[in-house]
Amino acid sequence: MRRYFFISLLFLAPVLTGLCQTIGSVSNDSLQHRRIPQQNEGKAQLLLSKSKAFWYKNPDSALSFAFQALQFSRDISDSRGVAEAYRYIGLGNMFGGRTQLAESYLDTALKSFENLRDTAGMASTYNNLGKLLSERTGRYDESIFAFEQALFLFQALGNPEGVGSVLNYIGLNYQARGNFQKAIEYLLKGLEVRKKIGDKPGMMFSLARVGDMYQAVGQSETALKYYNNALLYGGENFTEPLLDIYASIARLYMQLKRYDQARKYIDLTLKNGSDWHQLLLARFYFETGLPEKAFFIYEQVMARNQKKSEHALLASSLMGLSQVSELKKDYQAAIKFATTAFRIANEQTIRWIISDAAKTLSFLYSLQGDYHKAYNYEKIYRSIADSLSSADSHIKLDFLESKNEILEKQSSIELLNKENKIKEQQLKKEALVKKVFIAGIIFIVLIAIVLFRNSLLHRNNEQHRRELAENELQIQKLEGEKTKTAFQQQATELEMQALRAQMNPHFIFNCLTSINRFILINKTEEASDYLTKFSRLIRMALINSGKPQITLESELDALRLYLDLERLRFKNAFSYRITFINTIDVNTVYIPPMLIQPFVENAIWHGLMHKKGVGQLEIRVCAEDKMLTCEIVDNGVGRNMAAAFDSRYAKRNKSMGIEITSGRLALLNKTKNAAAVCNIEDLFDEKGEGCGTKVVLTIPYKDLTEVVT
């Protein structure tokens, strides 16, 4: 009975010591993701920092500051701040021993972070839930599931500190279930991660927990070796980890009945130590025949934690008072203390204290002759502690059988994993070679087509230039204003053809760049889908490039294909919609080809790609009085913010797209004596910050009868 109580104290204190460090390290990650005004962010962080400072000292004060942060975040509509405040309220309740409330608030925080797609917040909350479920409720399977979710998210975030912490706590779960081999495996993995990042407190924690397991199965020398190795990483800056190791060494010497050495390390823990270390001193007095001193310390710890509502410490001190009273044969007092401890532990679902208190009460009531109550408490004890008892009877045997095989099995597993990885890499390499070969052939064919096309375009351009020169000579020779004007108009038309000829290779180059990227990152399905749509778009471009006018339907079909290609390329980072403001017969409206696409491309590359979250692009079309109006509206970062992301690609893209199209519009006005206009308008939100761009393109069009004529 007393043995289980003491073993529980053995593992609970160091786990709670590491808890604060991990919670603190991951909580800051979530705070950094908020995008709110600096002064508001500072106030919310200050309230949460104050809450964290009172987790151990005064959980009620911690809750007060967390609720203030929650209300403040709601007032300024800071969704991430609200989620983080819920997490801190859950932690405040956990440190205050209110397990059910803690779980409820942590669940609420997790749902909030999931809705926000805040990976760092989700990882921290899963980590907190795992600790709550294992340390406060003993639901180890659920705890391991929560830790595995946290491990996956921390790995995705590239957070080695979080990964190392979670690996340690998964190991502690397996330790609590009696699977020491699994426990050591995870603790050593956590140790390796922490070595890589130079996390000395974390390395101390991992080594100390492995030492705890060796101590629990009676391997004192091995346990002491791990404790001493942990001390090598200690220093003045690591007060809490050092106290934790000193306490573990003190417990080891107490188990060996070497009380002089135990007292030396207990005295070290009392320098800036916690109430858990005071309980260790009380246990020392109890075992060395000084029950009165033990009773006095238990009373002090009980009084302090009644005010702070630290239920685990309060119940533990009450159990200590019960044991001292039992030793003094004051059975009524022993029953009173144990009953109170049972009630508190039952209310807060602290299973290991429930089990120990029930066992104690069963024994005390049997001494009093009240066998009915003794039987009821024995049933409660058995319902919780049978698994622990059965595990304890096999732990030593299983551990002794497996401890010498752990390194061999680890080596075998590592060797097998390496062989499997080599085989997987070979298979992947072979598959990659095949895919690259096929993609290379396709790419070479496309390059050949493009080069051939560019050669034709170059010859056409040369021919156009010669024709322009000939036309200019003819214009000089022709007499009469009417003949001269006709030749000038013809020259302008040839210039527009030359500009369209430049536009097509520019567009093809961008598409080929996207296909090349998919091939390089080994995304064959995306590359195939992209290539199919690209081939359709090339076909349309080749057909339309030689026509001075095409239908609005053809222009919009090509535009939709281009938008689909860009969405594939950027992993659905934006959505688009094409709407008609009035009724338009798209088959009877004729406009010059490739006029709308450059502005759409500009909206995607310079507006939506710099936006966080899913962007939106809307294209509105209106035809009235022989004028086609096209509005291109995006909710991107605006031109001012886009200028900050200046790059060589952006400059090149602008010169090849927007500038060519502007030249085409100018020539169109000159040729047709029409008002082709392009206006760009910046959009702003309520705070005056850029929230997008609106381009209004006005183009004169021909109807079906004019084109036929």
Foldseek 3Di string as FASTA:
>chain_A
DVVLLVLLLLPQVLVVLVVLVLLVVLLVVLLVPWDDDPVLSVVLVVLQVQLSVCLQPFLVSSLVSLVVSLVSCVVRVGLSSNLSSLQSNLSSCVQLLQLVSSLVSLVVSLVSCVVVVPLSSNLSSLQVVLCSCCQQANPLVSSLVSLVSSLVSCVVVVPLVSNLVSLQSNLVSCVQLLNNLSSLVSLVVSLVSCVVVVVLLSNLSSLQVNLSSCLLLPVLVSSVVSLVVSCVSDDPVNLSSLLSSLQSVLVSCVVVVVLVSSVVSLVSCPPPHDLSSLLSVLVSCVVVVNNVVSLVSLVVQLVSCVNSSSLVSNLSSLQSNLVSCVVVVVLVSNLVSLVVSLVSSVSSNSLSSVLVSLCSNLVSVVVVVNNVSSVVSVVSNCVRCVSVVVSSVCSNVVCVVCVVCSVVVVVVVVVVVVVVVVVVVVVVVVVLVVLLVVLVVVLVVLVVVLVVLLVVLVVLLVVLVVVLVVLVVVLVVDDDPVSNVVSVLVNLVSVLLNLLSLLVSVVVVVLSVLLVVCSVVVVRVLSVVSVVLVVVLNVLSVVQSVDQKDFQVSQVVSLVSVVVNVCSSVVQLEEEEEEEPDDDDRRFKIHGHPLVNLVLVCQVPQFRVPDPGYKYWYWYWYDDPQKIKIKIKIQGQWPVVSVVVDDPVNVVSCCSRVVSSVVSQVSLCVNVVDDFDKDKDFDADPVRGTGIIMIITMGGIGTNVVVVD
